[in-house]
Amino acid sequence: MSNTDVIYFDDPCDLLEKLKLWKLTPKTFKAPKPLCYRMDDSSSVPAEVIGYVPHDQLTILVIDVGGIEHKICVEYLREMQSPKKESEE
C-alpha cells in the first residue's frame, strides 16, 4: 500500500459524511466528533482523520496523531472511542 492509494479529505462536508458512515460521528452531529488514539501505554491522545485507503474488505483510515500520520482499521479506531472496560485496566 503506497501513499498514492490514500484519498485525503479536502472537503469538510465529505469528511463529516464519511465519519458518520463509519460510525465515528453520530448522524445528528454538524461537525466531526473529537476522536482519540489509544497509545501502547494505554494513554489516549487526540486524533484527526485526514484520509482513507479504500479496500474491498475493510477501510483503512489515515489519522494524524501529534503531527504523525498513522494508518488504522476503521473498526479498531471505533473500538478505541469506547471507554476501557475494567477488565482491561
N, C-alpha and C. Protein backbone atom coordinates (compact mmCIF):
# COMPACT_ATOMS: atom_id res chain seq x y z
N MET A 1 0.86 -1.16 0.00
CA MET A 1 0.00 0.00 0.00
C MET A 1 0.91 1.23 0.00
N SER A 2 0.74 2.08 -0.97
CA SER A 2 1.57 3.28 -1.06
C SER A 2 0.73 4.50 -0.74
N ASN A 3 1.41 5.64 -0.55
CA ASN A 3 0.69 6.88 -0.26
C ASN A 3 -0.18 7.31 -1.42
N THR A 4 0.10 6.80 -2.64
CA THR A 4 -0.75 7.17 -3.78
C THR A 4 -2.13 6.54 -3.66
N ASP A 5 -2.26 5.51 -2.81
CA ASP A 5 -3.55 4.87 -2.59
C ASP A 5 -4.44 5.67 -1.64
N VAL A 6 -3.85 6.61 -0.93
CA VAL A 6 -4.57 7.37 0.09
C VAL A 6 -5.42 8.46 -0.57
N ILE A 7 -6.66 8.56 -0.13
CA ILE A 7 -7.55 9.65 -0.54
C ILE A 7 -7.61 10.60 0.66
N TYR A 8 -7.02 11.78 0.50
CA TYR A 8 -7.02 12.77 1.58
C TYR A 8 -8.27 13.64 1.47
N PHE A 9 -8.83 14.00 2.62
CA PHE A 9 -10.02 14.86 2.65
C PHE A 9 -9.62 16.30 2.41
N ASP A 10 -10.31 16.96 1.48
CA ASP A 10 -10.12 18.39 1.28
C ASP A 10 -11.44 19.14 1.44
N ASP A 11 -12.51 18.37 1.65
CA ASP A 11 -13.84 18.95 1.83
C ASP A 11 -14.39 18.52 3.19
N PRO A 12 -14.60 19.49 4.12
CA PRO A 12 -15.11 19.14 5.46
C PRO A 12 -16.45 18.41 5.43
N CYS A 13 -17.29 18.71 4.44
CA CYS A 13 -18.59 18.02 4.34
C CYS A 13 -18.40 16.55 3.98
N ASP A 14 -17.44 16.27 3.09
CA ASP A 14 -17.14 14.89 2.72
C ASP A 14 -16.60 14.12 3.92
N LEU A 15 -15.70 14.77 4.69
CA LEU A 15 -15.15 14.15 5.89
C LEU A 15 -16.28 13.81 6.87
N LEU A 16 -17.16 14.76 7.13
CA LEU A 16 -18.26 14.54 8.08
C LEU A 16 -19.16 13.40 7.61
N GLU A 17 -19.46 13.36 6.32
CA GLU A 17 -20.30 12.30 5.76
C GLU A 17 -19.65 10.93 5.95
N LYS A 18 -18.36 10.83 5.69
CA LYS A 18 -17.65 9.55 5.84
C LYS A 18 -17.58 9.15 7.32
N LEU A 19 -17.31 10.09 8.21
CA LEU A 19 -17.24 9.78 9.64
C LEU A 19 -18.57 9.23 10.14
N LYS A 20 -19.66 9.77 9.64
CA LYS A 20 -20.99 9.27 10.01
C LYS A 20 -21.20 7.87 9.43
N LEU A 21 -20.78 7.66 8.19
CA LEU A 21 -20.90 6.35 7.55
C LEU A 21 -20.11 5.30 8.32
N TRP A 22 -18.93 5.67 8.79
CA TRP A 22 -18.06 4.74 9.53
C TRP A 22 -18.43 4.66 11.01
N LYS A 23 -19.48 5.38 11.42
CA LYS A 23 -19.97 5.38 12.80
C LYS A 23 -18.93 5.91 13.79
N LEU A 24 -18.16 6.91 13.33
CA LEU A 24 -17.20 7.59 14.20
C LEU A 24 -17.74 8.93 14.68
N THR A 25 -18.85 9.36 14.08
CA THR A 25 -19.54 10.58 14.48
C THR A 25 -21.04 10.30 14.40
N PRO A 26 -21.81 10.66 15.42
CA PRO A 26 -23.27 10.44 15.37
C PRO A 26 -23.91 11.17 14.18
N LYS A 27 -24.96 10.58 13.65
CA LYS A 27 -25.63 11.13 12.47
C LYS A 27 -26.19 12.53 12.69
N THR A 28 -26.48 12.90 13.92
CA THR A 28 -27.08 14.21 14.20
C THR A 28 -26.03 15.32 14.34
N PHE A 29 -24.76 14.98 14.43
CA PHE A 29 -23.71 15.99 14.62
C PHE A 29 -23.52 16.83 13.36
N LYS A 30 -23.20 18.09 13.56
CA LYS A 30 -22.95 19.03 12.46
C LYS A 30 -21.46 19.21 12.21
N ALA A 31 -20.63 18.65 13.09
CA ALA A 31 -19.17 18.72 12.98
C ALA A 31 -18.61 17.38 13.45
N PRO A 32 -17.41 17.03 13.01
CA PRO A 32 -16.83 15.76 13.44
C PRO A 32 -16.67 15.68 14.96
N LYS A 33 -16.98 14.51 15.49
CA LYS A 33 -16.79 14.24 16.91
C LYS A 33 -15.29 14.12 17.18
N PRO A 34 -14.79 14.72 18.26
CA PRO A 34 -13.37 14.56 18.59
C PRO A 34 -13.04 13.09 18.82
N LEU A 35 -11.95 12.65 18.23
CA LEU A 35 -11.54 11.25 18.34
C LEU A 35 -10.24 11.15 19.12
N CYS A 36 -10.00 9.96 19.67
CA CYS A 36 -8.75 9.73 20.38
C CYS A 36 -8.10 8.45 19.86
N TYR A 37 -6.80 8.40 20.06
CA TYR A 37 -5.99 7.24 19.68
C TYR A 37 -5.35 6.72 20.95
N ARG A 38 -5.55 5.45 21.24
CA ARG A 38 -5.01 4.86 22.46
C ARG A 38 -3.58 4.37 22.20
N MET A 39 -2.65 4.93 22.94
CA MET A 39 -1.23 4.60 22.77
C MET A 39 -0.91 3.25 23.43
N ASP A 40 0.29 2.75 23.20
CA ASP A 40 0.72 1.47 23.77
C ASP A 40 0.66 1.46 25.29
N ASP A 41 0.90 2.64 25.91
CA ASP A 41 0.87 2.71 27.38
C ASP A 41 -0.54 2.97 27.92
N SER A 42 -1.55 2.80 27.06
CA SER A 42 -2.97 2.97 27.39
C SER A 42 -3.41 4.42 27.55
N SER A 43 -2.52 5.37 27.35
CA SER A 43 -2.96 6.77 27.39
C SER A 43 -3.65 7.09 26.07
N SER A 44 -4.53 8.08 26.10
CA SER A 44 -5.26 8.49 24.91
C SER A 44 -4.81 9.88 24.48
N VAL A 45 -4.62 10.05 23.17
CA VAL A 45 -4.24 11.35 22.62
C VAL A 45 -5.22 11.70 21.50
N PRO A 46 -5.41 13.00 21.24
CA PRO A 46 -6.32 13.40 20.16
C PRO A 46 -5.84 12.86 18.81
N ALA A 47 -6.80 12.50 17.98
CA ALA A 47 -6.52 12.01 16.63
C ALA A 47 -7.50 12.65 15.67
N GLU A 48 -7.02 12.91 14.46
CA GLU A 48 -7.87 13.53 13.44
C GLU A 48 -7.79 12.67 12.18
N VAL A 49 -8.96 12.30 11.64
CA VAL A 49 -8.99 11.55 10.38
C VAL A 49 -8.69 12.54 9.26
N ILE A 50 -7.66 12.22 8.47
CA ILE A 50 -7.28 13.12 7.37
C ILE A 50 -7.42 12.46 6.00
N GLY A 51 -7.67 11.15 5.99
CA GLY A 51 -7.83 10.46 4.72
C GLY A 51 -8.17 9.00 4.95
N TYR A 52 -8.21 8.26 3.85
CA TYR A 52 -8.51 6.84 3.93
C TYR A 52 -7.98 6.11 2.71
N VAL A 53 -7.87 4.79 2.85
CA VAL A 53 -7.46 3.92 1.75
C VAL A 53 -8.62 2.96 1.51
N PRO A 54 -9.34 3.14 0.41
CA PRO A 54 -10.45 2.22 0.15
C PRO A 54 -9.92 0.82 -0.15
N HIS A 55 -10.63 -0.18 0.32
CA HIS A 55 -10.21 -1.57 0.16
C HIS A 55 -11.47 -2.41 0.04
N ASP A 56 -11.38 -3.53 -0.63
CA ASP A 56 -12.55 -4.39 -0.82
C ASP A 56 -13.13 -4.89 0.49
N GLN A 57 -12.28 -5.34 1.39
CA GLN A 57 -12.72 -5.99 2.62
C GLN A 57 -12.93 -5.04 3.79
N LEU A 58 -12.09 -3.99 3.88
CA LEU A 58 -12.16 -3.08 5.02
C LEU A 58 -11.64 -1.72 4.60
N THR A 59 -11.86 -0.75 5.44
CA THR A 59 -11.38 0.59 5.16
C THR A 59 -10.26 0.92 6.13
N ILE A 60 -9.16 1.38 5.59
CA ILE A 60 -8.03 1.82 6.39
C ILE A 60 -8.07 3.34 6.45
N LEU A 61 -8.06 3.88 7.66
CA LEU A 61 -8.08 5.32 7.84
C LEU A 61 -6.67 5.84 7.97
N VAL A 62 -6.46 7.07 7.52
CA VAL A 62 -5.20 7.78 7.75
C VAL A 62 -5.53 8.84 8.79
N ILE A 63 -4.86 8.75 9.94
CA ILE A 63 -5.13 9.69 11.02
C ILE A 63 -3.85 10.47 11.36
N ASP A 64 -4.06 11.67 11.85
CA ASP A 64 -2.96 12.50 12.32
C ASP A 64 -2.97 12.43 13.85
N VAL A 65 -1.86 11.95 14.40
CA VAL A 65 -1.70 11.87 15.85
C VAL A 65 -0.43 12.63 16.19
N GLY A 66 -0.58 13.82 16.73
CA GLY A 66 0.58 14.61 17.11
C GLY A 66 1.48 14.98 15.94
N GLY A 67 0.89 15.19 14.77
CA GLY A 67 1.67 15.57 13.59
C GLY A 67 2.26 14.40 12.82
N ILE A 68 1.97 13.19 13.25
CA ILE A 68 2.48 11.99 12.57
C ILE A 68 1.30 11.21 11.99
N GLU A 69 1.42 10.82 10.71
CA GLU A 69 0.36 10.04 10.07
C GLU A 69 0.45 8.58 10.48
N HIS A 70 -0.71 8.01 10.78
CA HIS A 70 -0.82 6.58 11.10
C HIS A 70 -1.94 6.01 10.24
N LYS A 71 -1.84 4.74 9.91
CA LYS A 71 -2.92 4.04 9.22
C LYS A 71 -3.52 3.06 10.22
N ILE A 72 -4.85 3.02 10.24
CA ILE A 72 -5.55 2.18 11.22
C ILE A 72 -6.88 1.72 10.62
N CYS A 73 -7.27 0.52 10.94
CA CYS A 73 -8.56 -0.02 10.50
C CYS A 73 -9.68 0.77 11.18
N VAL A 74 -10.72 1.10 10.42
CA VAL A 74 -11.82 1.91 10.96
C VAL A 74 -12.45 1.25 12.19
N GLU A 75 -12.58 -0.07 12.17
CA GLU A 75 -13.19 -0.76 13.31
C GLU A 75 -12.33 -0.63 14.57
N TYR A 76 -11.02 -0.68 14.39
CA TYR A 76 -10.12 -0.56 15.53
C TYR A 76 -10.17 0.85 16.12
N LEU A 77 -10.21 1.87 15.26
CA LEU A 77 -10.32 3.25 15.75
C LEU A 77 -11.66 3.43 16.46
N ARG A 78 -12.73 2.86 15.92
CA ARG A 78 -14.04 2.96 16.56
C ARG A 78 -14.00 2.31 17.94
N GLU A 79 -13.34 1.17 18.05
CA GLU A 79 -13.21 0.47 19.33
C GLU A 79 -12.46 1.33 20.35
N MET A 80 -11.49 2.10 19.88
CA MET A 80 -10.71 2.97 20.78
C MET A 80 -11.55 4.10 21.37
N GLN A 81 -12.69 4.40 20.75
CA GLN A 81 -13.51 5.51 21.22
C GLN A 81 -14.36 5.14 22.42
N SER A 82 -14.54 3.85 22.65
CA SER A 82 -15.35 3.44 23.80
C SER A 82 -14.47 3.39 25.03
N PRO A 83 -15.06 3.67 26.20
CA PRO A 83 -14.28 3.63 27.45
C PRO A 83 -13.69 2.25 27.67
N LYS A 84 -12.53 2.23 28.31
CA LYS A 84 -11.90 0.96 28.63
C LYS A 84 -12.75 0.17 29.62
N LYS A 85 -12.82 -1.13 29.42
CA LYS A 85 -13.53 -1.97 30.38
C LYS A 85 -12.64 -2.18 31.59
N GLU A 86 -13.25 -2.38 32.75
CA GLU A 86 -12.50 -2.58 33.97
C GLU A 86 -11.53 -3.74 33.86
N SER A 87 -11.91 -4.77 33.11
CA SER A 87 -11.04 -5.95 32.98
C SER A 87 -9.76 -5.62 32.21
N GLU A 88 -9.76 -4.51 31.46
CA GLU A 88 -8.59 -4.12 30.68
C GLU A 88 -7.62 -3.30 31.50
N GLU A 89 -8.04 -2.81 32.63
CA GLU A 89 -7.19 -1.92 33.44
C GLU A 89 -6.21 -2.68 34.27
